[in-house]
Amino acid sequence: MRSLFIILGCLSLVAWFLWYQFIASMACAFGSVSGNCTTPAPWELNSEDLQFMVLIPGAITLAFFVIAFFAKSSKKNDR
C-alpha cells in the first residue's frame, strides 16, 4: 500500500510541475502583448494565483507522501 501512495505522490509532483508550467504559459500567451514574458517563481505569486498554482497542488502532493509515510508495507513478513 505504501508503494502505491509513493507512486501517486511522484505522479502528482510531476502533474503539479506540468500544471504550473501550463498555467504560466497560458498567462503569457494571453496576457503579454510584447511577447516578453517569463514564468514567475512560486514565491512571487499573490492571492488566487498562489492558491491555485502552489498551495492546493502542493497540499495534495504532500498528503500522498504523508499517507505513504504512515501506511503499512504490503510485505507478508512485515507484521
Protein backbone atom coordinates (compact mmCIF):
# COMPACT_ATOMS: atom_id res chain seq x y z
CA MET A 1 0.00 0.00 0.00
CA ARG A 2 2.88 2.29 0.79
CA SER A 3 4.36 1.96 -2.69
CA LEU A 4 1.02 2.93 -4.24
CA PHE A 5 0.96 6.21 -2.33
CA ILE A 6 4.61 6.90 -3.16
CA ILE A 7 3.83 6.39 -6.85
CA LEU A 8 0.76 8.65 -6.56
CA GLY A 9 2.88 11.25 -4.79
CA CYS A 10 5.51 11.20 -7.52
CA LEU A 11 2.86 11.39 -10.24
CA SER A 12 1.17 14.30 -8.51
CA LEU A 13 4.54 16.05 -8.20
CA VAL A 14 5.06 15.74 -11.96
CA ALA A 15 1.47 16.84 -12.61
CA TRP A 16 1.98 19.83 -10.30
CA PHE A 17 5.04 20.94 -12.28
CA LEU A 18 3.26 20.49 -15.61
CA TRP A 19 0.16 22.31 -14.35
CA TYR A 20 2.28 25.24 -13.13
CA GLN A 21 4.09 25.50 -16.46
CA PHE A 22 0.84 25.22 -18.44
CA ILE A 23 -0.95 27.95 -16.48
CA ALA A 24 2.08 30.25 -16.56
CA SER A 25 2.50 29.79 -20.31
CA MET A 26 -1.21 30.44 -20.93
CA ALA A 27 -0.94 33.64 -18.87
CA CYS A 28 1.99 34.71 -21.03
CA ALA A 29 0.15 33.84 -24.23
CA PHE A 30 -2.97 35.80 -23.38
CA GLY A 31 -1.58 38.50 -21.11
CA SER A 32 1.62 39.74 -22.72
CA VAL A 33 1.32 41.78 -25.90
CA SER A 34 5.05 42.22 -26.43
CA GLY A 35 5.92 38.53 -26.12
CA ASN A 36 8.50 39.17 -23.38
CA CYS A 37 7.11 37.02 -20.62
CA THR A 38 8.80 34.79 -18.07
CA THR A 39 7.38 32.19 -15.73
CA PRO A 40 7.08 33.71 -12.25
CA ALA A 41 8.66 31.93 -9.32
CA PRO A 42 6.15 30.42 -6.87
CA TRP A 43 7.11 32.91 -4.13
CA GLU A 44 6.33 35.83 -6.47
CA LEU A 45 2.66 34.87 -6.81
CA ASN A 46 -0.22 36.53 -4.98
CA SER A 47 -3.75 35.63 -3.86
CA GLU A 48 -5.61 33.28 -6.23
CA ASP A 49 -2.54 32.50 -8.31
CA LEU A 50 -0.66 31.35 -5.23
CA GLN A 51 -3.63 29.35 -4.01
CA PHE A 52 -4.44 27.51 -7.25
CA MET A 53 -0.92 27.12 -8.62
CA VAL A 54 1.06 26.35 -5.46
CA LEU A 55 -0.87 25.73 -2.26
CA ILE A 56 -3.62 23.33 -3.35
CA PRO A 57 -1.45 21.14 -5.63
CA GLY A 58 1.30 21.18 -3.01
CA ALA A 59 -1.15 20.08 -0.31
CA ILE A 60 -2.36 17.19 -2.47
CA THR A 61 1.20 16.07 -3.18
CA LEU A 62 2.18 16.39 0.47
CA ALA A 63 -0.89 14.42 1.53
CA PHE A 64 0.12 11.48 -0.68
CA PHE A 65 3.62 11.40 0.80
CA VAL A 66 2.34 11.73 4.39
CA ILE A 67 -0.13 8.89 3.82
CA ALA A 68 2.71 6.83 2.32
CA PHE A 69 4.83 7.53 5.39
CA PHE A 70 2.14 6.25 7.74
CA ALA A 71 0.87 3.42 5.55
CA LYS A 72 1.81 -0.13 6.31
CA SER A 73 4.05 -2.01 3.97
CA SER A 74 2.37 -4.73 1.92
CA LYS A 75 5.10 -7.33 2.60
CA LYS A 76 3.82 -10.51 4.24
CA ASN A 77 6.81 -10.82 6.60
CA ASP A 78 6.42 -7.24 7.79
CA ARG A 79 4.00 -7.54 10.72
